[in-house]
Amino acid sequence: MLSCHLVGFDIGTLQSVIAVARNRGIDILSNEVSNRATPTMASFNQKQRYLGESAKNQEMSNFKNTVRSLKRIIGHSYEEVAAQKFEVEELGASLCD
């Protein structure tokens, strides 16, 4: 008998969740620190990238290289006021086109 699982992603502005439909139910997957919701963020340094919880831990010490809330400006052009306002208020780094 062939076993098949369906995986769903809910990528939110601040948190993301992954769920699996199996055995006539839905299971929400936990991340590396046993939380069901994972921060939607990424952080970068010279040698490594951090995603989710580890990126959140890097946010204060590596603010200029941490990205969060980018979902808010998906689909906007860099020239639009919404993108420029977002850059000033939300990001520690500059956006590039």
N, C-alpha and C. Protein backbone atom coordinates (compact mmCIF):
# COMPACT_ATOMS: atom_id res chain seq x y z
N MET A 1 0.83 -1.17 0.00
CA MET A 1 0.00 0.00 0.00
C MET A 1 0.89 1.25 0.00
N LEU A 2 0.57 2.18 -0.86
CA LEU A 2 1.34 3.41 -1.00
C LEU A 2 0.90 4.42 0.04
N SER A 3 1.86 4.97 0.78
CA SER A 3 1.57 5.97 1.79
C SER A 3 1.93 7.35 1.24
N CYS A 4 1.04 8.30 1.39
CA CYS A 4 1.25 9.64 0.87
C CYS A 4 0.90 10.66 1.95
N HIS A 5 1.76 11.67 2.12
CA HIS A 5 1.51 12.73 3.09
C HIS A 5 1.45 14.06 2.36
N LEU A 6 0.60 14.92 2.82
CA LEU A 6 0.45 16.25 2.26
C LEU A 6 1.05 17.25 3.24
N VAL A 7 1.91 18.14 2.74
CA VAL A 7 2.57 19.13 3.58
C VAL A 7 2.06 20.52 3.21
N GLY A 8 1.75 21.32 4.23
CA GLY A 8 1.27 22.68 4.01
C GLY A 8 2.15 23.68 4.73
N PHE A 9 2.38 24.82 4.09
CA PHE A 9 3.19 25.90 4.66
C PHE A 9 2.32 27.14 4.82
N ASP A 10 2.35 27.74 5.97
CA ASP A 10 1.71 29.03 6.20
C ASP A 10 2.83 30.01 6.52
N ILE A 11 3.23 30.77 5.50
CA ILE A 11 4.32 31.72 5.69
C ILE A 11 3.71 33.08 5.99
N GLY A 12 3.80 33.47 7.24
CA GLY A 12 3.24 34.73 7.68
C GLY A 12 4.29 35.83 7.72
N THR A 13 3.84 37.03 8.01
CA THR A 13 4.75 38.17 8.07
C THR A 13 5.74 38.02 9.22
N LEU A 14 5.27 37.55 10.37
CA LEU A 14 6.13 37.42 11.54
C LEU A 14 6.43 35.98 11.93
N GLN A 15 5.48 35.07 11.71
CA GLN A 15 5.64 33.67 12.10
C GLN A 15 5.24 32.76 10.93
N SER A 16 5.84 31.60 10.86
CA SER A 16 5.50 30.59 9.86
C SER A 16 5.21 29.26 10.54
N VAL A 17 4.33 28.47 9.91
CA VAL A 17 3.93 27.18 10.47
C VAL A 17 3.96 26.14 9.35
N ILE A 18 4.39 24.92 9.67
CA ILE A 18 4.38 23.80 8.73
C ILE A 18 3.51 22.71 9.31
N ALA A 19 2.59 22.19 8.48
CA ALA A 19 1.68 21.13 8.92
C ALA A 19 1.73 19.96 7.94
N VAL A 20 1.47 18.76 8.46
CA VAL A 20 1.45 17.55 7.66
C VAL A 20 0.11 16.85 7.88
N ALA A 21 -0.56 16.51 6.77
CA ALA A 21 -1.80 15.75 6.86
C ALA A 21 -1.45 14.27 6.71
N ARG A 22 -1.72 13.50 7.76
CA ARG A 22 -1.43 12.07 7.74
C ARG A 22 -2.30 11.37 8.77
N ASN A 23 -2.55 10.11 8.54
CA ASN A 23 -3.34 9.27 9.44
C ASN A 23 -4.68 9.93 9.83
N ARG A 24 -5.34 10.48 8.85
CA ARG A 24 -6.65 11.12 9.03
C ARG A 24 -6.63 12.28 10.01
N GLY A 25 -5.53 12.97 10.09
CA GLY A 25 -5.40 14.12 10.97
C GLY A 25 -4.33 15.07 10.46
N ILE A 26 -4.20 16.18 11.13
CA ILE A 26 -3.20 17.17 10.76
C ILE A 26 -2.26 17.37 11.94
N ASP A 27 -0.97 17.24 11.67
CA ASP A 27 0.06 17.44 12.68
C ASP A 27 0.82 18.73 12.37
N ILE A 28 0.93 19.61 13.37
CA ILE A 28 1.74 20.82 13.24
C ILE A 28 3.16 20.46 13.67
N LEU A 29 4.13 20.70 12.81
CA LEU A 29 5.51 20.35 13.13
C LEU A 29 6.14 21.37 14.06
N SER A 30 6.97 20.90 14.95
CA SER A 30 7.69 21.76 15.89
C SER A 30 9.07 22.07 15.33
N ASN A 31 9.59 23.24 15.69
CA ASN A 31 10.94 23.59 15.25
C ASN A 31 11.98 23.07 16.23
N GLU A 32 13.21 23.54 16.09
CA GLU A 32 14.31 23.02 16.90
C GLU A 32 14.21 23.33 18.38
N VAL A 33 13.36 24.29 18.76
CA VAL A 33 13.17 24.60 20.18
C VAL A 33 11.75 24.25 20.63
N SER A 34 11.11 23.34 19.91
CA SER A 34 9.79 22.79 20.23
C SER A 34 8.64 23.78 20.16
N ASN A 35 8.80 24.85 19.39
CA ASN A 35 7.70 25.78 19.15
C ASN A 35 7.00 25.39 17.86
N ARG A 36 5.70 25.55 17.82
CA ARG A 36 4.95 25.23 16.60
C ARG A 36 5.05 26.34 15.56
N ALA A 37 5.23 27.56 16.00
CA ALA A 37 5.41 28.69 15.09
C ALA A 37 6.88 29.10 15.10
N THR A 38 7.42 29.33 13.91
CA THR A 38 8.82 29.70 13.76
C THR A 38 8.89 31.14 13.24
N PRO A 39 9.76 31.97 13.80
CA PRO A 39 9.88 33.34 13.29
C PRO A 39 10.25 33.35 11.81
N THR A 40 9.60 34.21 11.04
CA THR A 40 9.90 34.35 9.62
C THR A 40 10.99 35.40 9.47
N MET A 41 12.21 34.97 9.65
CA MET A 41 13.35 35.89 9.53
C MET A 41 14.61 35.13 9.16
N ALA A 42 15.58 35.89 8.64
CA ALA A 42 16.87 35.33 8.28
C ALA A 42 17.96 36.31 8.70
N SER A 43 19.10 35.77 9.10
CA SER A 43 20.24 36.59 9.50
C SER A 43 21.48 36.01 8.84
N PHE A 44 22.39 36.90 8.44
CA PHE A 44 23.58 36.48 7.72
C PHE A 44 24.81 37.08 8.37
N ASN A 45 25.91 36.32 8.32
CA ASN A 45 27.21 36.88 8.69
C ASN A 45 28.22 36.41 7.66
N GLN A 46 29.49 36.60 7.93
CA GLN A 46 30.54 36.30 6.94
C GLN A 46 30.55 34.83 6.51
N LYS A 47 30.28 33.92 7.44
CA LYS A 47 30.45 32.50 7.16
C LYS A 47 29.17 31.68 7.20
N GLN A 48 28.08 32.23 7.71
CA GLN A 48 26.92 31.40 7.99
C GLN A 48 25.62 32.18 7.81
N ARG A 49 24.52 31.44 7.62
CA ARG A 49 23.19 32.04 7.61
C ARG A 49 22.35 31.38 8.69
N TYR A 50 21.45 32.15 9.26
CA TYR A 50 20.58 31.67 10.32
C TYR A 50 19.14 31.88 9.88
N LEU A 51 18.29 30.90 10.17
CA LEU A 51 16.87 30.98 9.81
C LEU A 51 16.03 30.70 11.04
N GLY A 52 14.86 31.34 11.13
CA GLY A 52 13.92 31.05 12.20
C GLY A 52 14.40 31.48 13.56
N GLU A 53 14.35 30.55 14.52
CA GLU A 53 14.72 30.85 15.91
C GLU A 53 16.16 31.33 16.04
N SER A 54 17.07 30.72 15.31
CA SER A 54 18.47 31.14 15.42
C SER A 54 18.66 32.55 14.85
N ALA A 55 17.89 32.92 13.81
CA ALA A 55 17.96 34.28 13.28
C ALA A 55 17.41 35.28 14.29
N LYS A 56 16.36 34.89 14.99
CA LYS A 56 15.80 35.77 16.02
C LYS A 56 16.82 36.00 17.13
N ASN A 57 17.58 34.97 17.48
CA ASN A 57 18.63 35.11 18.49
C ASN A 57 19.75 36.04 18.01
N GLN A 58 19.97 36.11 16.72
CA GLN A 58 21.03 36.96 16.14
C GLN A 58 20.56 38.40 15.91
N GLU A 59 19.26 38.64 16.01
CA GLU A 59 18.69 39.93 15.62
C GLU A 59 19.35 41.12 16.32
N MET A 60 19.55 41.07 17.60
CA MET A 60 20.11 42.21 18.33
C MET A 60 21.61 42.36 18.10
N SER A 61 22.33 41.28 18.04
CA SER A 61 23.79 41.37 17.86
C SER A 61 24.20 41.56 16.40
N ASN A 62 23.30 41.24 15.46
CA ASN A 62 23.61 41.33 14.04
C ASN A 62 22.46 42.03 13.31
N PHE A 63 22.03 43.18 13.83
CA PHE A 63 20.84 43.87 13.34
C PHE A 63 20.93 44.25 11.87
N LYS A 64 22.08 44.74 11.43
CA LYS A 64 22.24 45.20 10.04
C LYS A 64 22.11 44.07 9.02
N ASN A 65 22.33 42.83 9.44
CA ASN A 65 22.27 41.69 8.52
C ASN A 65 21.12 40.74 8.83
N THR A 66 20.10 41.23 9.52
CA THR A 66 18.93 40.42 9.84
C THR A 66 17.73 40.98 9.10
N VAL A 67 17.01 40.09 8.42
CA VAL A 67 15.87 40.48 7.61
C VAL A 67 14.60 39.88 8.20
N ARG A 68 13.56 40.71 8.34
CA ARG A 68 12.26 40.25 8.83
C ARG A 68 11.17 41.07 8.17
N SER A 69 9.96 40.57 8.17
CA SER A 69 8.78 41.29 7.68
C SER A 69 8.85 41.67 6.20
N LEU A 70 9.67 41.02 5.41
CA LEU A 70 9.75 41.37 3.99
C LEU A 70 8.47 41.04 3.23
N LYS A 71 7.64 40.18 3.77
CA LYS A 71 6.39 39.83 3.11
C LYS A 71 5.52 41.07 2.90
N ARG A 72 5.69 42.06 3.73
CA ARG A 72 4.88 43.29 3.64
C ARG A 72 5.14 44.08 2.37
N ILE A 73 6.29 43.92 1.74
CA ILE A 73 6.56 44.71 0.55
C ILE A 73 6.71 43.86 -0.72
N ILE A 74 6.38 42.58 -0.65
CA ILE A 74 6.41 41.75 -1.85
C ILE A 74 5.43 42.32 -2.87
N GLY A 75 5.87 42.48 -4.09
CA GLY A 75 5.04 43.01 -5.15
C GLY A 75 5.14 44.51 -5.33
N HIS A 76 5.80 45.20 -4.41
CA HIS A 76 5.99 46.64 -4.55
C HIS A 76 7.30 46.93 -5.27
N SER A 77 7.31 47.99 -6.04
CA SER A 77 8.53 48.46 -6.67
C SER A 77 9.33 49.24 -5.64
N TYR A 78 10.64 49.30 -5.81
CA TYR A 78 11.48 50.04 -4.88
C TYR A 78 11.12 51.53 -4.89
N GLU A 79 10.67 52.04 -6.03
CA GLU A 79 10.34 53.46 -6.15
C GLU A 79 9.07 53.83 -5.38
N GLU A 80 8.23 52.86 -5.03
CA GLU A 80 6.98 53.17 -4.33
C GLU A 80 7.25 53.66 -2.91
N VAL A 81 6.41 54.56 -2.47
CA VAL A 81 6.54 55.14 -1.14
C VAL A 81 6.45 54.07 -0.06
N ALA A 82 5.59 53.06 -0.25
CA ALA A 82 5.41 51.99 0.75
C ALA A 82 6.74 51.26 1.01
N ALA A 83 7.49 50.98 -0.05
CA ALA A 83 8.76 50.27 0.11
C ALA A 83 9.79 51.16 0.79
N GLN A 84 9.85 52.42 0.44
CA GLN A 84 10.82 53.32 1.06
C GLN A 84 10.49 53.58 2.52
N LYS A 85 9.19 53.70 2.83
CA LYS A 85 8.78 53.90 4.21
C LYS A 85 9.10 52.66 5.05
N PHE A 86 8.87 51.48 4.46
CA PHE A 86 9.18 50.21 5.13
C PHE A 86 10.67 50.13 5.44
N GLU A 87 11.49 50.51 4.48
CA GLU A 87 12.95 50.45 4.65
C GLU A 87 13.39 51.30 5.84
N VAL A 88 12.86 52.49 5.95
CA VAL A 88 13.25 53.40 7.03
C VAL A 88 12.75 52.90 8.39
N GLU A 89 11.51 52.42 8.45
CA GLU A 89 10.90 52.05 9.73
C GLU A 89 11.23 50.65 10.21
N GLU A 90 11.41 49.70 9.31
CA GLU A 90 11.49 48.29 9.70
C GLU A 90 12.85 47.63 9.51
N LEU A 91 13.65 48.09 8.57
CA LEU A 91 14.90 47.40 8.25
C LEU A 91 16.11 48.12 8.82
N GLY A 92 17.08 47.35 9.21
CA GLY A 92 18.34 47.91 9.65
C GLY A 92 19.29 48.11 8.49
N ALA A 93 19.00 47.47 7.37
CA ALA A 93 19.84 47.57 6.17
C ALA A 93 19.09 48.30 5.07
N SER A 94 19.80 48.67 4.04
CA SER A 94 19.19 49.36 2.89
C SER A 94 18.69 48.35 1.88
N LEU A 95 17.55 48.65 1.26
CA LEU A 95 17.04 47.82 0.18
C LEU A 95 17.78 48.19 -1.10
N CYS A 96 17.91 47.22 -2.01
CA CYS A 96 18.47 47.52 -3.31
C CYS A 96 17.53 46.99 -4.37
N ASP A 97 17.54 47.60 -5.52
CA ASP A 97 16.62 47.26 -6.60
C ASP A 97 17.16 46.10 -7.42
